[in-house]
Amino acid sequence: MVIEPAKTSEIVPLIVDAYELTDRETEVTQYIARGLPTGEIADRLHLSPHTVRDHIKAVFEKVGVSSRGELVGKLFTEYYAPLAEKTMTRVHTG
């Protein structure tokens, strides 16, 4: 048996499920994480920009954030930050 940290691709669906996002909200969240603007997300999902904004508002409410940056940080960084801190060696140069 080998025990190792989960890959991002394995952990993100679990985190998204924990917030009870719909499939469409998950798709929108993935595009937000890639840095796509609302208009481009709308084009890729064949939705109106207004509908995409509605999905974004719903995601923000479910996750408890108020910006795209907070969303990405909460979904993708919080899990990995403690792991990085444990293995990180800080070097002071100066």
C-alpha atoms as a PDB file:
ATOM      1  CA  MET A   1       0.000   0.000   0.000  1.00  0.00           C
ATOM      2  CA  VAL A   2       1.240   3.464  -0.893  1.00  0.00           C
ATOM      3  CA  ILE A   3      -0.137   6.539   0.846  1.00  0.00           C
ATOM      4  CA  GLU A   4       0.398   9.858  -0.866  1.00  0.00           C
ATOM      5  CA  PRO A   5      -1.348  13.234  -1.070  1.00  0.00           C
ATOM      6  CA  ALA A   6      -4.307  13.322  -3.439  1.00  0.00           C
ATOM      7  CA  LYS A   7      -3.896  15.040  -6.796  1.00  0.00           C
ATOM      8  CA  THR A   8      -5.821  18.236  -7.476  1.00  0.00           C
ATOM      9  CA  SER A   9      -7.907  16.419 -10.080  1.00  0.00           C
ATOM     10  CA  GLU A  10      -8.977  13.934  -7.410  1.00  0.00           C
ATOM     11  CA  ILE A  11      -9.649  16.381  -4.601  1.00  0.00           C
ATOM     12  CA  VAL A  12     -11.502  19.161  -6.437  1.00  0.00           C
ATOM     13  CA  PRO A  13     -14.618  17.056  -7.200  1.00  0.00           C
ATOM     14  CA  LEU A  14     -14.855  16.181  -3.501  1.00  0.00           C
ATOM     15  CA  ILE A  15     -14.551  19.803  -2.463  1.00  0.00           C
ATOM     16  CA  VAL A  16     -17.136  20.862  -5.056  1.00  0.00           C
ATOM     17  CA  ASP A  17     -19.504  18.115  -3.851  1.00  0.00           C
ATOM     18  CA  ALA A  18     -19.106  19.351  -0.284  1.00  0.00           C
ATOM     19  CA  TYR A  19     -20.531  22.721  -1.354  1.00  0.00           C
ATOM     20  CA  GLU A  20     -23.392  20.997  -3.227  1.00  0.00           C
ATOM     21  CA  LEU A  21     -22.737  22.771  -6.509  1.00  0.00           C
ATOM     22  CA  THR A  22     -24.834  21.736  -9.485  1.00  0.00           C
ATOM     23  CA  ASP A  23     -23.139  20.313 -12.574  1.00  0.00           C
ATOM     24  CA  ARG A  24     -23.526  23.674 -14.345  1.00  0.00           C
ATOM     25  CA  GLU A  25     -22.174  25.595 -11.356  1.00  0.00           C
ATOM     26  CA  THR A  26     -19.204  23.227 -11.316  1.00  0.00           C
ATOM     27  CA  GLU A  27     -18.543  23.906 -15.008  1.00  0.00           C
ATOM     28  CA  VAL A  28     -18.721  27.658 -14.419  1.00  0.00           C
ATOM     29  CA  THR A  29     -16.392  27.324 -11.419  1.00  0.00           C
ATOM     30  CA  GLN A  30     -13.845  25.405 -13.490  1.00  0.00           C
ATOM     31  CA  TYR A  31     -13.816  28.169 -16.101  1.00  0.00           C
ATOM     32  CA  ILE A  32     -13.482  30.808 -13.376  1.00  0.00           C
ATOM     33  CA  ALA A  33     -10.487  28.900 -12.017  1.00  0.00           C
ATOM     34  CA  ARG A  34      -8.924  29.075 -15.479  1.00  0.00           C
ATOM     35  CA  GLY A  35      -9.380  32.857 -15.446  1.00  0.00           C
ATOM     36  CA  LEU A  36     -12.027  33.112 -18.159  1.00  0.00           C
ATOM     37  CA  PRO A  37     -14.231  36.217 -18.207  1.00  0.00           C
ATOM     38  CA  THR A  38     -18.022  35.934 -18.028  1.00  0.00           C
ATOM     39  CA  GLY A  39     -18.513  36.467 -21.774  1.00  0.00           C
ATOM     40  CA  GLU A  40     -16.139  33.681 -22.716  1.00  0.00           C
ATOM     41  CA  ILE A  41     -17.693  31.317 -20.181  1.00  0.00           C
ATOM     42  CA  ALA A  42     -21.093  32.124 -21.700  1.00  0.00           C
ATOM     43  CA  ASP A  43     -19.812  31.377 -25.207  1.00  0.00           C
ATOM     44  CA  ARG A  44     -18.246  28.068 -24.209  1.00  0.00           C
ATOM     45  CA  LEU A  45     -21.356  26.892 -22.348  1.00  0.00           C
ATOM     46  CA  HIS A  46     -23.811  28.329 -24.909  1.00  0.00           C
ATOM     47  CA  LEU A  47     -25.470  30.477 -22.261  1.00  0.00           C
ATOM     48  CA  SER A  48     -26.213  34.169 -21.961  1.00  0.00           C
ATOM     49  CA  PRO A  49     -23.789  36.253 -19.894  1.00  0.00           C
ATOM     50  CA  HIS A  50     -26.727  37.026 -17.568  1.00  0.00           C
ATOM     51  CA  THR A  51     -27.254  33.313 -16.903  1.00  0.00           C
ATOM     52  CA  VAL A  52     -23.538  32.846 -16.225  1.00  0.00           C
ATOM     53  CA  ARG A  53     -23.640  35.743 -13.748  1.00  0.00           C
ATOM     54  CA  ASP A  54     -26.601  34.051 -12.012  1.00  0.00           C
ATOM     55  CA  HIS A  55     -24.583  30.827 -11.712  1.00  0.00           C
ATOM     56  CA  ILE A  56     -21.598  32.765 -10.357  1.00  0.00           C
ATOM     57  CA  LYS A  57     -23.790  34.447  -7.725  1.00  0.00           C
ATOM     58  CA  ALA A  58     -25.176  31.057  -6.683  1.00  0.00           C
ATOM     59  CA  VAL A  59     -21.665  29.596  -6.415  1.00  0.00           C
ATOM     60  CA  PHE A  60     -20.452  32.576  -4.365  1.00  0.00           C
ATOM     61  CA  GLU A  61     -23.395  32.162  -1.990  1.00  0.00           C
ATOM     62  CA  LYS A  62     -22.906  28.404  -1.560  1.00  0.00           C
ATOM     63  CA  VAL A  63     -19.155  28.697  -1.006  1.00  0.00           C
ATOM     64  CA  GLY A  64     -19.403  31.842   1.126  1.00  0.00           C
ATOM     65  CA  VAL A  65     -17.203  34.135  -0.942  1.00  0.00           C
ATOM     66  CA  SER A  66     -17.686  37.461  -2.696  1.00  0.00           C
ATOM     67  CA  SER A  67     -15.117  37.416  -5.507  1.00  0.00           C
ATOM     68  CA  ARG A  68     -13.584  35.120  -8.090  1.00  0.00           C
ATOM     69  CA  GLY A  69     -10.232  35.283  -6.347  1.00  0.00           C
ATOM     70  CA  GLU A  70     -11.766  34.244  -3.035  1.00  0.00           C
ATOM     71  CA  LEU A  71     -13.583  31.397  -4.776  1.00  0.00           C
ATOM     72  CA  VAL A  72     -10.432  29.991  -6.348  1.00  0.00           C
ATOM     73  CA  GLY A  73      -8.551  30.433  -3.092  1.00  0.00           C
ATOM     74  CA  LYS A  74     -11.206  28.683  -1.058  1.00  0.00           C
ATOM     75  CA  LEU A  75     -11.734  25.761  -3.436  1.00  0.00           C
ATOM     76  CA  PHE A  76      -8.215  25.155  -4.658  1.00  0.00           C
ATOM     77  CA  THR A  77      -5.762  26.628  -2.176  1.00  0.00           C
ATOM     78  CA  GLU A  78      -7.069  25.990   1.328  1.00  0.00           C
ATOM     79  CA  TYR A  79      -6.623  22.240   1.008  1.00  0.00           C
ATOM     80  CA  TYR A  80      -3.042  22.498  -0.227  1.00  0.00           C
ATOM     81  CA  ALA A  81      -1.749  25.444   1.847  1.00  0.00           C
ATOM     82  CA  PRO A  82      -1.345  23.433   5.085  1.00  0.00           C
ATOM     83  CA  LEU A  83       0.505  20.697   3.199  1.00  0.00           C
ATOM     84  CA  ALA A  84       2.860  23.199   1.613  1.00  0.00           C
ATOM     85  CA  GLU A  85       3.547  24.888   4.948  1.00  0.00           C
ATOM     86  CA  LYS A  86       4.526  21.596   6.592  1.00  0.00           C
ATOM     87  CA  THR A  87       7.093  20.790   3.918  1.00  0.00           C
ATOM     88  CA  MET A  88       8.245  24.337   3.235  1.00  0.00           C
ATOM     89  CA  THR A  89      11.653  25.502   4.344  1.00  0.00           C
ATOM     90  CA  ARG A  90      11.922  29.236   4.740  1.00  0.00           C
ATOM     91  CA  VAL A  91      15.251  30.842   4.068  1.00  0.00           C
ATOM     92  CA  HIS A  92      15.956  34.390   5.122  1.00  0.00           C
ATOM     93  CA  THR A  93      18.360  36.222   2.856  1.00  0.00           C
ATOM     94  CA  GLY A  94      19.251  39.678   3.718  1.00  0.00           C
END
